[in-house]
Amino acid sequence: LHVERSLARDVLSEGFGLFLHSINLIGILSFPVGVVLTVSSIT
């Protein structure tokens, strides 16, 4: 949401905004994998 708000106000360039979105989306898929594989109490 805050990346989109910054892009709407032209605080960020489209290229840098896309880079931040890509990092965020990769984190959405990779972060839970790391938690599931390392936390033994999760079923």
PDB file of all heavy atoms in Angstrom:
ATOM      1  N   LEU A   1       0.825  -1.212   0.000  1.00  0.00           N
ATOM      2  CA  LEU A   1       0.000   0.000   0.000  1.00  0.00           C
ATOM      3  C   LEU A   1       0.859   1.261   0.000  1.00  0.00           C
ATOM      4  O   LEU A   1       0.598   2.212  -0.753  1.00  0.00           O
ATOM      5  CB  LEU A   1      -0.937  -0.016   1.208  1.00  0.00           C
ATOM      6  CG  LEU A   1      -1.879   1.186   1.349  1.00  0.00           C
ATOM      7  CD1 LEU A   1      -2.776   1.316   0.128  1.00  0.00           C
ATOM      8  CD2 LEU A   1      -2.718   1.063   2.621  1.00  0.00           C
ATOM      9  N   HIS A   2       1.926   1.270   0.814  1.00  0.00           N
ATOM     10  CA  HIS A   2       2.756   2.471   0.902  1.00  0.00           C
ATOM     11  C   HIS A   2       3.616   2.662  -0.341  1.00  0.00           C
ATOM     12  O   HIS A   2       3.888   3.809  -0.736  1.00  0.00           O
ATOM     13  CB  HIS A   2       3.620   2.416   2.169  1.00  0.00           C
ATOM     14  CG  HIS A   2       2.854   2.771   3.406  1.00  0.00           C
ATOM     15  ND1 HIS A   2       2.668   4.068   3.819  1.00  0.00           N
ATOM     16  CD2 HIS A   2       2.199   1.990   4.308  1.00  0.00           C
ATOM     17  CE1 HIS A   2       1.946   4.084   4.926  1.00  0.00           C
ATOM     18  NE2 HIS A   2       1.650   2.831   5.243  1.00  0.00           N
ATOM     19  N   VAL A   3       4.015   1.581  -0.985  1.00  0.00           N
ATOM     20  CA  VAL A   3       4.730   1.713  -2.260  1.00  0.00           C
ATOM     21  C   VAL A   3       3.804   2.324  -3.307  1.00  0.00           C
ATOM     22  O   VAL A   3       4.203   3.218  -4.071  1.00  0.00           O
ATOM     23  CB  VAL A   3       5.273   0.344  -2.724  1.00  0.00           C
ATOM     24  CG1 VAL A   3       5.780   0.433  -4.165  1.00  0.00           C
ATOM     25  CG2 VAL A   3       6.407  -0.125  -1.814  1.00  0.00           C
ATOM     26  N   GLU A   4       2.552   1.876  -3.344  1.00  0.00           N
ATOM     27  CA  GLU A   4       1.596   2.425  -4.306  1.00  0.00           C
ATOM     28  C   GLU A   4       1.309   3.897  -4.021  1.00  0.00           C
ATOM     29  O   GLU A   4       1.163   4.705  -4.946  1.00  0.00           O
ATOM     30  CB  GLU A   4       0.296   1.607  -4.285  1.00  0.00           C
ATOM     31  CG  GLU A   4       0.375   0.294  -5.015  1.00  0.00           C
ATOM     32  CD  GLU A   4       0.710   0.461  -6.476  1.00  0.00           C
ATOM     33  OE1 GLU A   4       0.274   1.458  -7.091  1.00  0.00           O
ATOM     34  OE2 GLU A   4       1.429  -0.395  -7.025  1.00  0.00           O
ATOM     35  N   ARG A   5       1.195   4.267  -2.762  1.00  0.00           N
ATOM     36  CA  ARG A   5       0.975   5.675  -2.421  1.00  0.00           C
ATOM     37  C   ARG A   5       2.161   6.534  -2.863  1.00  0.00           C
ATOM     38  O   ARG A   5       1.975   7.653  -3.376  1.00  0.00           O
ATOM     39  CB  ARG A   5       0.757   5.822  -0.912  1.00  0.00           C
ATOM     40  CG  ARG A   5      -0.626   5.370  -0.437  1.00  0.00           C
ATOM     41  CD  ARG A   5      -0.748   5.535   1.066  1.00  0.00           C
ATOM     42  NE  ARG A   5      -2.118   5.296   1.522  1.00  0.00           N
ATOM     43  CZ  ARG A   5      -2.489   5.364   2.790  1.00  0.00           C
ATOM     44  NH1 ARG A   5      -1.607   5.672   3.737  1.00  0.00           N
ATOM     45  NH2 ARG A   5      -3.753   5.141   3.133  1.00  0.00           N
ATOM     46  N   SER A   6       3.368   6.004  -2.682  1.00  0.00           N
ATOM     47  CA  SER A   6       4.561   6.753  -3.106  1.00  0.00           C
ATOM     48  C   SER A   6       4.611   6.891  -4.616  1.00  0.00           C
ATOM     49  O   SER A   6       5.001   7.937  -5.153  1.00  0.00           O
ATOM     50  CB  SER A   6       5.828   6.052  -2.593  1.00  0.00           C
ATOM     51  OG  SER A   6       5.828   5.989  -1.179  1.00  0.00           O
ATOM     52  N   LEU A   7       4.209   5.846  -5.338  1.00  0.00           N
ATOM     53  CA  LEU A   7       4.176   5.917  -6.803  1.00  0.00           C
ATOM     54  C   LEU A   7       3.118   6.907  -7.281  1.00  0.00           C
ATOM     55  O   LEU A   7       3.324   7.618  -8.269  1.00  0.00           O
ATOM     56  CB  LEU A   7       3.889   4.516  -7.375  1.00  0.00           C
ATOM     57  CG  LEU A   7       5.043   3.506  -7.303  1.00  0.00           C
ATOM     58  CD1 LEU A   7       4.534   2.104  -7.633  1.00  0.00           C
ATOM     59  CD2 LEU A   7       6.166   3.889  -8.245  1.00  0.00           C
ATOM     60  N   ALA A   8       1.985   6.975  -6.578  1.00  0.00           N
ATOM     61  CA  ALA A   8       0.926   7.907  -6.968  1.00  0.00           C
ATOM     62  C   ALA A   8       1.361   9.357  -6.789  1.00  0.00           C
ATOM     63  O   ALA A   8       0.943  10.240  -7.549  1.00  0.00           O
ATOM     64  CB  ALA A   8      -0.338   7.628  -6.163  1.00  0.00           C
ATOM     65  N   ARG A   9       2.224   9.620  -5.784  1.00  0.00           N
ATOM     66  CA  ARG A   9       2.704  10.987  -5.529  1.00  0.00           C
ATOM     67  C   ARG A   9       3.988  11.299  -6.301  1.00  0.00           C
ATOM     68  O   ARG A   9       4.586  12.354  -6.094  1.00  0.00           O
ATOM     69  CB  ARG A   9       2.952  11.173  -4.028  1.00  0.00           C
ATOM     70  CG  ARG A   9       1.700  11.056  -3.168  1.00  0.00           C
ATOM     71  CD  ARG A   9       1.950  11.594  -1.764  1.00  0.00           C
ATOM     72  NE  ARG A   9       3.091  10.950  -1.127  1.00  0.00           N
ATOM     73  CZ  ARG A   9       3.009   9.894  -0.326  1.00  0.00           C
ATOM     74  NH1 ARG A   9       1.813   9.353  -0.080  1.00  0.00           N
ATOM     75  NH2 ARG A   9       4.082   9.376   0.213  1.00  0.00           N
ATOM     76  N   ASP A  10       4.432  10.344  -7.132  1.00  0.00           N
ATOM     77  CA  ASP A  10       5.672  10.499  -7.904  1.00  0.00           C
ATOM     78  C   ASP A  10       6.902  10.608  -7.015  1.00  0.00           C
ATOM     79  O   ASP A  10       7.927  11.171  -7.426  1.00  0.00           O
ATOM     80  CB  ASP A  10       5.598  11.719  -8.823  1.00  0.00           C
ATOM     81  CG  ASP A  10       4.659  11.495  -9.994  1.00  0.00           C
ATOM     82  OD1 ASP A  10       4.528  10.328 -10.412  1.00  0.00           O
ATOM     83  OD2 ASP A  10       4.052  12.468 -10.464  1.00  0.00           O
ATOM     84  N   VAL A  11       6.824  10.078  -5.800  1.00  0.00           N
ATOM     85  CA  VAL A  11       7.996  10.035  -4.925  1.00  0.00           C
ATOM     86  C   VAL A  11       8.971   8.961  -5.410  1.00  0.00           C
ATOM     87  O   VAL A  11      10.198   9.115  -5.294  1.00  0.00           O
ATOM     88  CB  VAL A  11       7.562   9.757  -3.469  1.00  0.00           C
ATOM     89  CG1 VAL A  11       8.775   9.588  -2.559  1.00  0.00           C
ATOM     90  CG2 VAL A  11       6.656  10.871  -2.967  1.00  0.00           C
ATOM     91  N   LEU A  12       8.429   7.870  -5.954  1.00  0.00           N
ATOM     92  CA  LEU A  12       9.244   6.783  -6.495  1.00  0.00           C
ATOM     93  C   LEU A  12       9.060   6.723  -8.003  1.00  0.00           C
ATOM     94  O   LEU A  12       7.977   7.029  -8.524  1.00  0.00           O
ATOM     95  CB  LEU A  12       8.840   5.438  -5.878  1.00  0.00           C
ATOM     96  CG  LEU A  12       8.989   5.278  -4.358  1.00  0.00           C
ATOM     97  CD1 LEU A  12       8.446   3.919  -3.935  1.00  0.00           C
ATOM     98  CD2 LEU A  12      10.439   5.411  -3.936  1.00  0.00           C
ATOM     99  N   SER A  13      10.108   6.300  -8.693  1.00  0.00           N
ATOM    100  CA  SER A  13       9.990   6.060 -10.129  1.00  0.00           C
ATOM    101  C   SER A  13       9.307   4.718 -10.365  1.00  0.00           C
ATOM    102  O   SER A  13       9.267   3.857  -9.475  1.00  0.00           O
ATOM    103  CB  SER A  13      11.375   6.058 -10.776  1.00  0.00           C
ATOM    104  OG  SER A  13      12.142   4.961 -10.314  1.00  0.00           O
ATOM    105  N   GLU A  14       8.757   4.521 -11.566  1.00  0.00           N
ATOM    106  CA  GLU A  14       8.073   3.268 -11.886  1.00  0.00           C
ATOM    107  C   GLU A  14       9.027   2.073 -11.788  1.00  0.00           C
ATOM    108  O   GLU A  14       8.661   1.007 -11.312  1.00  0.00           O
ATOM    109  CB  GLU A  14       7.476   3.341 -13.296  1.00  0.00           C
ATOM    110  CG  GLU A  14       6.245   4.211 -13.409  1.00  0.00           C
ATOM    111  CD  GLU A  14       5.048   3.644 -12.670  1.00  0.00           C
ATOM    112  OE1 GLU A  14       4.982   2.409 -12.478  1.00  0.00           O
ATOM    113  OE2 GLU A  14       4.170   4.433 -12.286  1.00  0.00           O
ATOM    114  N   GLY A  15      10.273   2.269 -12.243  1.00  0.00           N
ATOM    115  CA  GLY A  15      11.241   1.175 -12.195  1.00  0.00           C
ATOM    116  C   GLY A  15      11.570   0.754 -10.780  1.00  0.00           C
ATOM    117  O   GLY A  15      11.602  -0.439 -10.464  1.00  0.00           O
ATOM    118  N   PHE A  16      11.819   1.758  -9.898  1.00  0.00           N
ATOM    119  CA  PHE A  16      12.152   1.428  -8.504  1.00  0.00           C
ATOM    120  C   PHE A  16      10.930   0.867  -7.777  1.00  0.00           C
ATOM    121  O   PHE A  16      11.059  -0.024  -6.929  1.00  0.00           O
ATOM    122  CB  PHE A  16      12.678   2.665  -7.786  1.00  0.00           C
ATOM    123  CG  PHE A  16      13.276   2.368  -6.441  1.00  0.00           C
ATOM    124  CD1 PHE A  16      14.389   1.564  -6.319  1.00  0.00           C
ATOM    125  CD2 PHE A  16      12.688   2.884  -5.285  1.00  0.00           C
ATOM    126  CE1 PHE A  16      14.937   1.268  -5.083  1.00  0.00           C
ATOM    127  CE2 PHE A  16      13.235   2.602  -4.037  1.00  0.00           C
ATOM    128  CZ  PHE A  16      14.360   1.795  -3.934  1.00  0.00           C
ATOM    129  N   GLY A  17       9.740   1.384  -8.116  1.00  0.00           N
ATOM    130  CA  GLY A  17       8.521   0.838  -7.514  1.00  0.00           C
ATOM    131  C   GLY A  17       8.315  -0.611  -7.892  1.00  0.00           C
ATOM    132  O   GLY A  17       7.929  -1.435  -7.053  1.00  0.00           O
ATOM    133  N   LEU A  18       8.576  -0.946  -9.161  1.00  0.00           N
ATOM    134  CA  LEU A  18       8.470  -2.332  -9.607  1.00  0.00           C
ATOM    135  C   LEU A  18       9.476  -3.215  -8.888  1.00  0.00           C
ATOM    136  O   LEU A  18       9.173  -4.363  -8.518  1.00  0.00           O
ATOM    137  CB  LEU A  18       8.675  -2.404 -11.118  1.00  0.00           C
ATOM    138  CG  LEU A  18       8.627  -3.794 -11.755  1.00  0.00           C
ATOM    139  CD1 LEU A  18       7.271  -4.450 -11.521  1.00  0.00           C
ATOM    140  CD2 LEU A  18       8.942  -3.721 -13.246  1.00  0.00           C
ATOM    141  N   PHE A  19      10.686  -2.687  -8.655  1.00  0.00           N
ATOM    142  CA  PHE A  19      11.707  -3.441  -7.926  1.00  0.00           C
ATOM    143  C   PHE A  19      11.240  -3.745  -6.495  1.00  0.00           C
ATOM    144  O   PHE A  19      11.368  -4.884  -6.019  1.00  0.00           O
ATOM    145  CB  PHE A  19      13.016  -2.650  -7.899  1.00  0.00           C
ATOM    146  CG  PHE A  19      14.072  -3.235  -7.023  1.00  0.00           C
ATOM    147  CD1 PHE A  19      14.780  -4.364  -7.421  1.00  0.00           C
ATOM    148  CD2 PHE A  19      14.365  -2.676  -5.781  1.00  0.00           C
ATOM    149  CE1 PHE A  19      15.762  -4.922  -6.599  1.00  0.00           C
ATOM    150  CE2 PHE A  19      15.332  -3.226  -4.958  1.00  0.00           C
ATOM    151  CZ  PHE A  19      16.036  -4.345  -5.366  1.00  0.00           C
ATOM    152  N   LEU A  20      10.674  -2.737  -5.816  1.00  0.00           N
ATOM    153  CA  LEU A  20      10.187  -2.943  -4.441  1.00  0.00           C
ATOM    154  C   LEU A  20       9.030  -3.938  -4.413  1.00  0.00           C
ATOM    155  O   LEU A  20       8.959  -4.798  -3.518  1.00  0.00           O
ATOM    156  CB  LEU A  20       9.758  -1.609  -3.840  1.00  0.00           C
ATOM    157  CG  LEU A  20      10.869  -0.588  -3.567  1.00  0.00           C
ATOM    158  CD1 LEU A  20      10.268   0.705  -3.023  1.00  0.00           C
ATOM    159  CD2 LEU A  20      11.899  -1.146  -2.590  1.00  0.00           C
ATOM    160  N   HIS A  21       8.128  -3.833  -5.386  1.00  0.00           N
ATOM    161  CA  HIS A  21       7.018  -4.787  -5.454  1.00  0.00           C
ATOM    162  C   HIS A  21       7.540  -6.206  -5.681  1.00  0.00           C
ATOM    163  O   HIS A  21       7.028  -7.175  -5.085  1.00  0.00           O
ATOM    164  CB  HIS A  21       6.064  -4.405  -6.583  1.00  0.00           C
ATOM    165  CG  HIS A  21       5.049  -3.368  -6.202  1.00  0.00           C
ATOM    166  ND1 HIS A  21       4.280  -3.449  -5.062  1.00  0.00           N
ATOM    167  CD2 HIS A  21       4.659  -2.215  -6.827  1.00  0.00           C
ATOM    168  CE1 HIS A  21       3.463  -2.410  -4.986  1.00  0.00           C
ATOM    169  NE2 HIS A  21       3.682  -1.640  -6.040  1.00  0.00           N
ATOM    170  N   SER A  22       8.533  -6.353  -6.527  1.00  0.00           N
ATOM    171  CA  SER A  22       9.085  -7.684  -6.818  1.00  0.00           C
ATOM    172  C   SER A  22       9.710  -8.298  -5.577  1.00  0.00           C
ATOM    173  O   SER A  22       9.491  -9.486  -5.278  1.00  0.00           O
ATOM    174  CB  SER A  22      10.116  -7.586  -7.943  1.00  0.00           C
ATOM    175  OG  SER A  22       9.543  -7.063  -9.118  1.00  0.00           O
ATOM    176  N   ILE A  23      10.484  -7.492  -4.824  1.00  0.00           N
ATOM    177  CA  ILE A  23      11.091  -7.984  -3.583  1.00  0.00           C
ATOM    178  C   ILE A  23      10.011  -8.386  -2.590  1.00  0.00           C
ATOM    179  O   ILE A  23      10.091  -9.439  -1.922  1.00  0.00           O
ATOM    180  CB  ILE A  23      12.011  -6.910  -2.960  1.00  0.00           C
ATOM    181  CG1 ILE A  23      13.189  -6.603  -3.896  1.00  0.00           C
ATOM    182  CG2 ILE A  23      12.511  -7.347  -1.589  1.00  0.00           C
ATOM    183  CD1 ILE A  23      14.105  -7.776  -4.150  1.00  0.00           C
ATOM    184  N   ASN A  24       8.962  -7.572  -2.512  1.00  0.00           N
ATOM    185  CA  ASN A  24       7.869  -7.855  -1.583  1.00  0.00           C
ATOM    186  C   ASN A  24       7.134  -9.146  -1.966  1.00  0.00           C
ATOM    187  O   ASN A  24       6.819  -9.981  -1.103  1.00  0.00           O
ATOM    188  CB  ASN A  24       6.894  -6.675  -1.577  1.00  0.00           C
ATOM    189  CG  ASN A  24       5.895  -6.737  -0.434  1.00  0.00           C
ATOM    190  OD1 ASN A  24       6.267  -6.962   0.713  1.00  0.00           O
ATOM    191  ND2 ASN A  24       4.628  -6.543  -0.748  1.00  0.00           N
ATOM    192  N   LEU A  25       6.868  -9.332  -3.260  1.00  0.00           N
ATOM    193  CA  LEU A  25       6.161 -10.526  -3.714  1.00  0.00           C
ATOM    194  C   LEU A  25       7.008 -11.783  -3.532  1.00  0.00           C
ATOM    195  O   LEU A  25       6.492 -12.849  -3.165  1.00  0.00           O
ATOM    196  CB  LEU A  25       5.760 -10.362  -5.183  1.00  0.00           C
ATOM    197  CG  LEU A  25       4.664  -9.322  -5.452  1.00  0.00           C
ATOM    198  CD1 LEU A  25       4.504  -9.096  -6.952  1.00  0.00           C
ATOM    199  CD2 LEU A  25       3.343  -9.759  -4.847  1.00  0.00           C
ATOM    200  N   ILE A  26       8.313 -11.670  -3.782  1.00  0.00           N
ATOM    201  CA  ILE A  26       9.204 -12.817  -3.543  1.00  0.00           C
ATOM    202  C   ILE A  26       9.224 -13.163  -2.055  1.00  0.00           C
ATOM    203  O   ILE A  26       9.225 -14.337  -1.665  1.00  0.00           O
ATOM    204  CB  ILE A  26      10.618 -12.504  -4.058  1.00  0.00           C
ATOM    205  CG1 ILE A  26      10.611 -12.407  -5.586  1.00  0.00           C
ATOM    206  CG2 ILE A  26      11.617 -13.576  -3.606  1.00  0.00           C
ATOM    207  CD1 ILE A  26      11.916 -11.910  -6.180  1.00  0.00           C
ATOM    208  N   GLY A  27       9.220 -12.124  -1.215  1.00  0.00           N
ATOM    209  CA  GLY A  27       9.176 -12.351   0.231  1.00  0.00           C
ATOM    210  C   GLY A  27       7.909 -13.050   0.671  1.00  0.00           C
ATOM    211  O   GLY A  27       7.930 -13.888   1.592  1.00  0.00           O
ATOM    212  N   ILE A  28       6.777 -12.745   0.023  1.00  0.00           N
ATOM    213  CA  ILE A  28       5.512 -13.393   0.381  1.00  0.00           C
ATOM    214  C   ILE A  28       5.588 -14.894   0.165  1.00  0.00           C
ATOM    215  O   ILE A  28       5.043 -15.679   0.953  1.00  0.00           O
ATOM    216  CB  ILE A  28       4.356 -12.778  -0.444  1.00  0.00           C
ATOM    217  CG1 ILE A  28       4.098 -11.338  -0.001  1.00  0.00           C
ATOM    218  CG2 ILE A  28       3.081 -13.595  -0.291  1.00  0.00           C
ATOM    219  CD1 ILE A  28       3.087 -10.616  -0.869  1.00  0.00           C
ATOM    220  N   LEU A  29       6.264 -15.333  -0.888  1.00  0.00           N
ATOM    221  CA  LEU A  29       6.364 -16.764  -1.168  1.00  0.00           C
ATOM    222  C   LEU A  29       7.484 -17.449  -0.401  1.00  0.00           C
ATOM    223  O   LEU A  29       7.354 -18.629  -0.026  1.00  0.00           O
ATOM    224  CB  LEU A  29       6.560 -16.985  -2.674  1.00  0.00           C
ATOM    225  CG  LEU A  29       5.388 -16.606  -3.591  1.00  0.00           C
ATOM    226  CD1 LEU A  29       5.735 -16.910  -5.036  1.00  0.00           C
ATOM    227  CD2 LEU A  29       4.111 -17.331  -3.191  1.00  0.00           C
ATOM    228  N   SER A  30       8.593 -16.736  -0.150  1.00  0.00           N
ATOM    229  CA  SER A  30       9.753 -17.379   0.478  1.00  0.00           C
ATOM    230  C   SER A  30       9.719 -17.337   1.999  1.00  0.00           C
ATOM    231  O   SER A  30      10.182 -18.280   2.662  1.00  0.00           O
ATOM    232  CB  SER A  30      11.043 -16.724  -0.031  1.00  0.00           C
ATOM    233  OG  SER A  30      11.033 -15.339   0.242  1.00  0.00           O
ATOM    234  N   PHE A  31       9.177 -16.273   2.590  1.00  0.00           N
ATOM    235  CA  PHE A  31       9.175 -16.149   4.052  1.00  0.00           C
ATOM    236  C   PHE A  31       8.432 -17.302   4.740  1.00  0.00           C
ATOM    237  O   PHE A  31       8.978 -17.926   5.661  1.00  0.00           O
ATOM    238  CB  PHE A  31       8.569 -14.807   4.458  1.00  0.00           C
ATOM    239  CG  PHE A  31       8.383 -14.650   5.944  1.00  0.00           C
ATOM    240  CD1 PHE A  31       9.476 -14.503   6.789  1.00  0.00           C
ATOM    241  CD2 PHE A  31       7.112 -14.661   6.508  1.00  0.00           C
ATOM    242  CE1 PHE A  31       9.306 -14.380   8.162  1.00  0.00           C
ATOM    243  CE2 PHE A  31       6.929 -14.536   7.872  1.00  0.00           C
ATOM    244  CZ  PHE A  31       8.030 -14.387   8.704  1.00  0.00           C
ATOM    245  N   PRO A  32       7.200 -17.658   4.329  1.00  0.00           N
ATOM    246  CA  PRO A  32       6.531 -18.784   5.002  1.00  0.00           C
ATOM    247  C   PRO A  32       7.240 -20.112   4.805  1.00  0.00           C
ATOM    248  O   PRO A  32       7.175 -20.989   5.666  1.00  0.00           O
ATOM    249  CB  PRO A  32       5.136 -18.797   4.372  1.00  0.00           C
ATOM    250  CG  PRO A  32       5.277 -18.077   3.093  1.00  0.00           C
ATOM    251  CD  PRO A  32       6.339 -17.049   3.298  1.00  0.00           C
ATOM    252  N   VAL A  33       7.939 -20.265   3.671  1.00  0.00           N
ATOM    253  CA  VAL A  33       8.690 -21.510   3.449  1.00  0.00           C
ATOM    254  C   VAL A  33       9.785 -21.648   4.505  1.00  0.00           C
ATOM    255  O   VAL A  33       9.972 -22.722   5.099  1.00  0.00           O
ATOM    256  CB  VAL A  33       9.292 -21.532   2.032  1.00  0.00           C
ATOM    257  CG1 VAL A  33      10.196 -22.743   1.859  1.00  0.00           C
ATOM    258  CG2 VAL A  33       8.186 -21.533   0.988  1.00  0.00           C
ATOM    259  N   GLY A  34      10.518 -20.547   4.742  1.00  0.00           N
ATOM    260  CA  GLY A  34      11.567 -20.579   5.756  1.00  0.00           C
ATOM    261  C   GLY A  34      11.019 -20.895   7.137  1.00  0.00           C
ATOM    262  O   GLY A  34      11.627 -21.661   7.907  1.00  0.00           O
ATOM    263  N   VAL A  35       9.855 -20.321   7.466  1.00  0.00           N
ATOM    264  CA  VAL A  35       9.259 -20.566   8.782  1.00  0.00           C
ATOM    265  C   VAL A  35       8.820 -22.016   8.907  1.00  0.00           C
ATOM    266  O   VAL A  35       9.091 -22.684   9.919  1.00  0.00           O
ATOM    267  CB  VAL A  35       8.069 -19.622   9.009  1.00  0.00           C
ATOM    268  CG1 VAL A  35       7.334 -19.978  10.308  1.00  0.00           C
ATOM    269  CG2 VAL A  35       8.539 -18.166   9.059  1.00  0.00           C
ATOM    270  N   VAL A  36       8.143 -22.535   7.900  1.00  0.00           N
ATOM    271  CA  VAL A  36       7.630 -23.910   7.956  1.00  0.00           C
ATOM    272  C   VAL A  36       8.772 -24.920   8.057  1.00  0.00           C
ATOM    273  O   VAL A  36       8.689 -25.904   8.812  1.00  0.00           O
ATOM    274  CB  VAL A  36       6.755 -24.203   6.713  1.00  0.00           C
ATOM    275  CG1 VAL A  36       6.428 -25.696   6.619  1.00  0.00           C
ATOM    276  CG2 VAL A  36       5.473 -23.386   6.766  1.00  0.00           C
ATOM    277  N   LEU A  37       9.862 -24.689   7.331  1.00  0.00           N
ATOM    278  CA  LEU A  37      10.969 -25.647   7.318  1.00  0.00           C
ATOM    279  C   LEU A  37      11.842 -25.571   8.567  1.00  0.00           C
ATOM    280  O   LEU A  37      12.593 -26.511   8.854  1.00  0.00           O
ATOM    281  CB  LEU A  37      11.831 -25.433   6.073  1.00  0.00           C
ATOM    282  CG  LEU A  37      11.150 -25.699   4.725  1.00  0.00           C
ATOM    283  CD1 LEU A  37      12.111 -25.449   3.575  1.00  0.00           C
ATOM    284  CD2 LEU A  37      10.589 -27.113   4.654  1.00  0.00           C
ATOM    285  N   THR A  38      11.770 -24.467   9.309  1.00  0.00           N
ATOM    286  CA  THR A  38      12.629 -24.310  10.494  1.00  0.00           C
ATOM    287  C   THR A  38      11.879 -24.464  11.816  1.00  0.00           C
ATOM    288  O   THR A  38      12.479 -24.879  12.808  1.00  0.00           O
ATOM    289  CB  THR A  38      13.319 -22.942  10.476  1.00  0.00           C
ATOM    290  OG1 THR A  38      12.338 -21.900  10.368  1.00  0.00           O
ATOM    291  CG2 THR A  38      14.276 -22.846   9.297  1.00  0.00           C
ATOM    292  N   VAL A  39      10.595 -24.142  11.842  1.00  0.00           N
ATOM    293  CA  VAL A  39       9.814 -24.237  13.087  1.00  0.00           C
ATOM    294  C   VAL A  39       9.220 -25.635  13.185  1.00  0.00           C
ATOM    295  O   VAL A  39       8.367 -26.017  12.387  1.00  0.00           O
ATOM    296  CB  VAL A  39       8.705 -23.168  13.133  1.00  0.00           C
ATOM    297  CG1 VAL A  39       7.858 -23.327  14.390  1.00  0.00           C
ATOM    298  CG2 VAL A  39       9.318 -21.773  13.082  1.00  0.00           C
ATOM    299  N   SER A  40       9.650 -26.403  14.162  1.00  0.00           N
ATOM    300  CA  SER A  40       9.223 -27.800  14.273  1.00  0.00           C
ATOM    301  C   SER A  40       7.819 -27.939  14.840  1.00  0.00           C
ATOM    302  O   SER A  40       7.161 -28.970  14.651  1.00  0.00           O
ATOM    303  CB  SER A  40      10.201 -28.576  15.163  1.00  0.00           C
ATOM    304  OG  SER A  40      10.255 -27.987  16.460  1.00  0.00           O
ATOM    305  N   SER A  41       7.331 -26.918  15.531  1.00  0.00           N
ATOM    306  CA  SER A  41       6.019 -27.033  16.178  1.00  0.00           C
ATOM    307  C   SER A  41       4.854 -26.829  15.212  1.00  0.00           C
ATOM    308  O   SER A  41       3.703 -27.067  15.579  1.00  0.00           O
ATOM    309  CB  SER A  41       5.899 -26.011  17.315  1.00  0.00           C
ATOM    310  OG  SER A  41       6.046 -24.690  16.829  1.00  0.00           O
ATOM    311  N   ILE A  42       5.130 -26.391  14.002  1.00  0.00           N
ATOM    312  CA  ILE A  42       4.045 -26.187  13.045  1.00  0.00           C
ATOM    313  C   ILE A  42       3.681 -27.515  12.391  1.00  0.00           C
ATOM    314  O   ILE A  42       4.552 -28.281  11.981  1.00  0.00           O
ATOM    315  CB  ILE A  42       4.438 -25.133  11.983  1.00  0.00           C
ATOM    316  CG1 ILE A  42       3.224 -24.716  11.156  1.00  0.00           C
ATOM    317  CG2 ILE A  42       5.553 -25.634  11.077  1.00  0.00           C
ATOM    318  CD1 ILE A  42       3.464 -23.485  10.304  1.00  0.00           C
ATOM    319  N   THR A  43       2.397 -27.828  12.344  1.00  0.00           N
ATOM    320  CA  THR A  43       1.930 -29.098  11.787  1.00  0.00           C
ATOM    321  C   THR A  43       1.733 -28.981  10.276  1.00  0.00           C
ATOM    322  O   THR A  43       1.593 -27.864   9.744  1.00  0.00           O
ATOM    323  CB  THR A  43       0.593 -29.503  12.432  1.00  0.00           C
ATOM    324  OG1 THR A  43      -0.397 -28.528  12.100  1.00  0.00           O
ATOM    325  CG2 THR A  43       0.733 -29.587  13.948  1.00  0.00           C
TER     326      THR A  43
END
